Amino acid sequence: MANILLAGCDGREGNPVDYRDCRFEPFADARSPAEKSSSIPVASKG
């Protein structure tokens, strides 16, 4: 919803659905920071 609002503030016109990913990617498609990291996973003893 924030993307649609921000698109309107930017003066974009047309179907609001077209602006659902205008600035921010959908939460369901966002990867976690661990997935974005290129570091080697560390196992802990427990």
PDB file of N, CA and C in Angstrom:
ATOM      1  N   MET A   1       0.820  -1.196   0.000  1.00  0.00           N
ATOM      2  CA  MET A   1       0.000   0.000   0.000  1.00  0.00           C
ATOM      3  C   MET A   1       0.866   1.262   0.000  1.00  0.00           C
ATOM      4  N   ALA A   2       2.003   1.197   0.688  1.00  0.00           N
ATOM      5  CA  ALA A   2       2.895   2.362   0.737  1.00  0.00           C
ATOM      6  C   ALA A   2       3.397   2.708  -0.661  1.00  0.00           C
ATOM      7  N   ASN A   3       3.698   1.710  -1.475  1.00  0.00           N
ATOM      8  CA  ASN A   3       4.185   1.966  -2.833  1.00  0.00           C
ATOM      9  C   ASN A   3       3.147   2.703  -3.665  1.00  0.00           C
ATOM     10  N   ILE A   4       1.893   2.311  -3.536  1.00  0.00           N
ATOM     11  CA  ILE A   4       0.827   2.961  -4.296  1.00  0.00           C
ATOM     12  C   ILE A   4       0.690   4.412  -3.855  1.00  0.00           C
ATOM     13  N   LEU A   5       0.741   4.651  -2.559  1.00  0.00           N
ATOM     14  CA  LEU A   5       0.665   6.011  -2.031  1.00  0.00           C
ATOM     15  C   LEU A   5       1.834   6.858  -2.513  1.00  0.00           C
ATOM     16  N   LEU A   6       3.040   6.314  -2.441  1.00  0.00           N
ATOM     17  CA  LEU A   6       4.227   7.058  -2.871  1.00  0.00           C
ATOM     18  C   LEU A   6       4.215   7.326  -4.373  1.00  0.00           C
ATOM     19  N   ALA A   7       3.694   6.393  -5.148  1.00  0.00           N
ATOM     20  CA  ALA A   7       3.581   6.615  -6.593  1.00  0.00           C
ATOM     21  C   ALA A   7       2.644   7.784  -6.875  1.00  0.00           C
ATOM     22  N   GLY A   8       1.553   7.859  -6.126  1.00  0.00           N
ATOM     23  CA  GLY A   8       0.629   8.988  -6.278  1.00  0.00           C
ATOM     24  C   GLY A   8       1.290  10.303  -5.907  1.00  0.00           C
ATOM     25  N   CYS A   9       2.077  10.299  -4.843  1.00  0.00           N
ATOM     26  CA  CYS A   9       2.808  11.503  -4.434  1.00  0.00           C
ATOM     27  C   CYS A   9       3.824  11.937  -5.490  1.00  0.00           C
ATOM     28  N   ASP A  10       4.352  10.964  -6.227  1.00  0.00           N
ATOM     29  CA  ASP A  10       5.298  11.256  -7.301  1.00  0.00           C
ATOM     30  C   ASP A  10       4.599  11.752  -8.563  1.00  0.00           C
ATOM     31  N   GLY A  11       3.262  11.752  -8.546  1.00  0.00           N
ATOM     32  CA  GLY A  11       2.503  12.242  -9.688  1.00  0.00           C
ATOM     33  C   GLY A  11       2.222  11.199 -10.752  1.00  0.00           C
ATOM     34  N   ARG A  12       2.454   9.937 -10.444  1.00  0.00           N
ATOM     35  CA  ARG A  12       2.185   8.883 -11.426  1.00  0.00           C
ATOM     36  C   ARG A  12       0.690   8.679 -11.561  1.00  0.00           C
ATOM     37  N   GLU A  13       0.269   8.382 -12.759  1.00  0.00           N
ATOM     38  CA  GLU A  13      -1.148   8.190 -13.038  1.00  0.00           C
ATOM     39  C   GLU A  13      -1.374   6.808 -13.619  1.00  0.00           C
ATOM     40  N   GLY A  14      -2.616   6.374 -13.595  1.00  0.00           N
ATOM     41  CA  GLY A  14      -2.962   5.083 -14.169  1.00  0.00           C
ATOM     42  C   GLY A  14      -3.462   4.121 -13.113  1.00  0.00           C
ATOM     43  N   ASN A  15      -3.381   2.843 -13.425  1.00  0.00           N
ATOM     44  CA  ASN A  15      -3.863   1.791 -12.550  1.00  0.00           C
ATOM     45  C   ASN A  15      -2.950   1.671 -11.322  1.00  0.00           C
ATOM     46  N   PRO A  16      -3.485   1.849 -10.115  1.00  0.00           N
ATOM     47  CA  PRO A  16      -2.654   1.772  -8.909  1.00  0.00           C
ATOM     48  C   PRO A  16      -1.940   0.429  -8.732  1.00  0.00           C
ATOM     49  N   VAL A  17      -2.529  -0.641  -9.238  1.00  0.00           N
ATOM     50  CA  VAL A  17      -1.918  -1.968  -9.117  1.00  0.00           C
ATOM     51  C   VAL A  17      -0.555  -2.008  -9.816  1.00  0.00           C
ATOM     52  N   ASP A  18      -0.372  -1.189 -10.828  1.00  0.00           N
ATOM     53  CA  ASP A  18       0.901  -1.155 -11.552  1.00  0.00           C
ATOM     54  C   ASP A  18       2.055  -0.635 -10.691  1.00  0.00           C
ATOM     55  N   TYR A  19       1.742  -0.009  -9.566  1.00  0.00           N
ATOM     56  CA  TYR A  19       2.770   0.611  -8.733  1.00  0.00           C
ATOM     57  C   TYR A  19       2.973  -0.105  -7.401  1.00  0.00           C
ATOM     58  N   ARG A  20       2.534  -1.351  -7.291  1.00  0.00           N
ATOM     59  CA  ARG A  20       2.672  -2.074  -6.025  1.00  0.00           C
ATOM     60  C   ARG A  20       4.124  -2.313  -5.642  1.00  0.00           C
ATOM     61  N   ASP A  21       5.029  -2.349  -6.608  1.00  0.00           N
ATOM     62  CA  ASP A  21       6.449  -2.530  -6.287  1.00  0.00           C
ATOM     63  C   ASP A  21       7.266  -1.341  -6.774  1.00  0.00           C
ATOM     64  N   CYS A  22       6.677  -0.159  -6.706  1.00  0.00           N
ATOM     65  CA  CYS A  22       7.283   1.075  -7.195  1.00  0.00           C
ATOM     66  C   CYS A  22       8.615   1.387  -6.507  1.00  0.00           C
ATOM     67  N   ARG A  23       8.653   1.360  -5.182  1.00  0.00           N
ATOM     68  CA  ARG A  23       9.882   1.683  -4.435  1.00  0.00           C
ATOM     69  C   ARG A  23      10.380   0.519  -3.598  1.00  0.00           C
ATOM     70  N   PHE A  24       9.450  -0.145  -2.939  1.00  0.00           N
ATOM     71  CA  PHE A  24       9.828  -1.223  -2.030  1.00  0.00           C
ATOM     72  C   PHE A  24       9.396  -2.555  -2.615  1.00  0.00           C
ATOM     73  N   GLU A  25      10.264  -3.572  -2.537  1.00  0.00           N
ATOM     74  CA  GLU A  25       9.882  -4.876  -3.054  1.00  0.00           C
ATOM     75  C   GLU A  25       8.909  -5.533  -2.080  1.00  0.00           C
ATOM     76  N   PRO A  26       8.005  -6.352  -2.586  1.00  0.00           N
ATOM     77  CA  PRO A  26       7.027  -7.008  -1.713  1.00  0.00           C
ATOM     78  C   PRO A  26       7.715  -7.816  -0.610  1.00  0.00           C
ATOM     79  N   PHE A  27       7.133  -7.787   0.564  1.00  0.00           N
ATOM     80  CA  PHE A  27       7.716  -8.456   1.729  1.00  0.00           C
ATOM     81  C   PHE A  27       7.891  -9.950   1.483  1.00  0.00           C
ATOM     82  N   ALA A  28       6.954 -10.593   0.842  1.00  0.00           N
ATOM     83  CA  ALA A  28       7.021 -12.034   0.604  1.00  0.00           C
ATOM     84  C   ALA A  28       8.194 -12.382  -0.314  1.00  0.00           C
ATOM     85  N   ASP A  29       8.616 -11.454  -1.175  1.00  0.00           N
ATOM     86  CA  ASP A  29       9.713 -11.708  -2.101  1.00  0.00           C
ATOM     87  C   ASP A  29      11.068 -11.294  -1.525  1.00  0.00           C
ATOM     88  N   ALA A  30      11.053 -10.603  -0.401  1.00  0.00           N
ATOM     89  CA  ALA A  30      12.301 -10.119   0.180  1.00  0.00           C
ATOM     90  C   ALA A  30      13.074 -11.283   0.799  1.00  0.00           C
ATOM     91  N   ARG A  31      14.370 -11.279   0.556  1.00  0.00           N
ATOM     92  CA  ARG A  31      15.217 -12.314   1.148  1.00  0.00           C
ATOM     93  C   ARG A  31      15.706 -11.850   2.508  1.00  0.00           C
ATOM     94  N   SER A  32      15.973 -12.780   3.389  1.00  0.00           N
ATOM     95  CA  SER A  32      16.474 -12.445   4.711  1.00  0.00           C
ATOM     96  C   SER A  32      17.924 -11.978   4.592  1.00  0.00           C
ATOM     97  N   PRO A  33      18.414 -11.233   5.581  1.00  0.00           N
ATOM     98  CA  PRO A  33      19.817 -10.790   5.535  1.00  0.00           C
ATOM     99  C   PRO A  33      20.794 -11.956   5.422  1.00  0.00           C
ATOM    100  N   ALA A  34      20.464 -13.094   6.016  1.00  0.00           N
ATOM    101  CA  ALA A  34      21.349 -14.259   5.935  1.00  0.00           C
ATOM    102  C   ALA A  34      21.463 -14.766   4.511  1.00  0.00           C
ATOM    103  N   GLU A  35      20.384 -14.696   3.748  1.00  0.00           N
ATOM    104  CA  GLU A  35      20.408 -15.142   2.357  1.00  0.00           C
ATOM    105  C   GLU A  35      21.179 -14.169   1.473  1.00  0.00           C
ATOM    106  N   LYS A  36      21.179 -12.888   1.833  1.00  0.00           N
ATOM    107  CA  LYS A  36      21.881 -11.879   1.052  1.00  0.00           C
ATOM    108  C   LYS A  36      23.374 -11.883   1.341  1.00  0.00           C
ATOM    109  N   SER A  37      23.747 -12.367   2.511  1.00  0.00           N
ATOM    110  CA  SER A  37      25.137 -12.358   2.934  1.00  0.00           C
ATOM    111  C   SER A  37      25.944 -13.374   2.150  1.00  0.00           C
ATOM    112  N   SER A  38      27.185 -13.035   1.892  1.00  0.00           N
ATOM    113  CA  SER A  38      28.066 -13.967   1.192  1.00  0.00           C
ATOM    114  C   SER A  38      29.018 -14.659   2.166  1.00  0.00           C
ATOM    115  N   SER A  39      28.778 -14.464   3.466  1.00  0.00           N
ATOM    116  CA  SER A  39      29.671 -15.073   4.452  1.00  0.00           C
ATOM    117  C   SER A  39      29.372 -16.558   4.605  1.00  0.00           C
ATOM    118  N   ILE A  40      30.324 -17.268   5.176  1.00  0.00           N
ATOM    119  CA  ILE A  40      30.204 -18.708   5.389  1.00  0.00           C
ATOM    120  C   ILE A  40      29.387 -18.936   6.656  1.00  0.00           C
ATOM    121  N   PRO A  41      28.385 -19.819   6.611  1.00  0.00           N
ATOM    122  CA  PRO A  41      27.580 -20.093   7.802  1.00  0.00           C
ATOM    123  C   PRO A  41      28.439 -20.708   8.921  1.00  0.00           C
ATOM    124  N   VAL A  42      28.140 -20.345  10.148  1.00  0.00           N
ATOM    125  CA  VAL A  42      28.879 -20.845  11.298  1.00  0.00           C
ATOM    126  C   VAL A  42      27.934 -21.694  12.140  1.00  0.00           C
ATOM    127  N   ALA A  43      28.342 -22.903  12.463  1.00  0.00           N
ATOM    128  CA  ALA A  43      27.551 -23.781  13.316  1.00  0.00           C
ATOM    129  C   ALA A  43      27.959 -23.578  14.757  1.00  0.00           C
ATOM    130  N   SER A  44      26.993 -23.629  15.660  1.00  0.00           N
ATOM    131  CA  SER A  44      27.303 -23.495  17.078  1.00  0.00           C
ATOM    132  C   SER A  44      27.031 -24.810  17.780  1.00  0.00           C
ATOM    133  N   LYS A  45      27.799 -25.066  18.799  1.00  0.00           N
ATOM    134  CA  LYS A  45      27.592 -26.280  19.607  1.00  0.00           C
ATOM    135  C   LYS A  45      26.558 -25.975  20.661  1.00  0.00           C
ATOM    136  N   GLY A  46      25.679 -26.922  20.893  1.00  0.00           N
ATOM    137  CA  GLY A  46      24.654 -26.607  21.862  1.00  0.00           C
ATOM    138  C   GLY A  46      24.076 -27.720  22.540  1.00  0.00           C
TER     139      GLY A  46
END
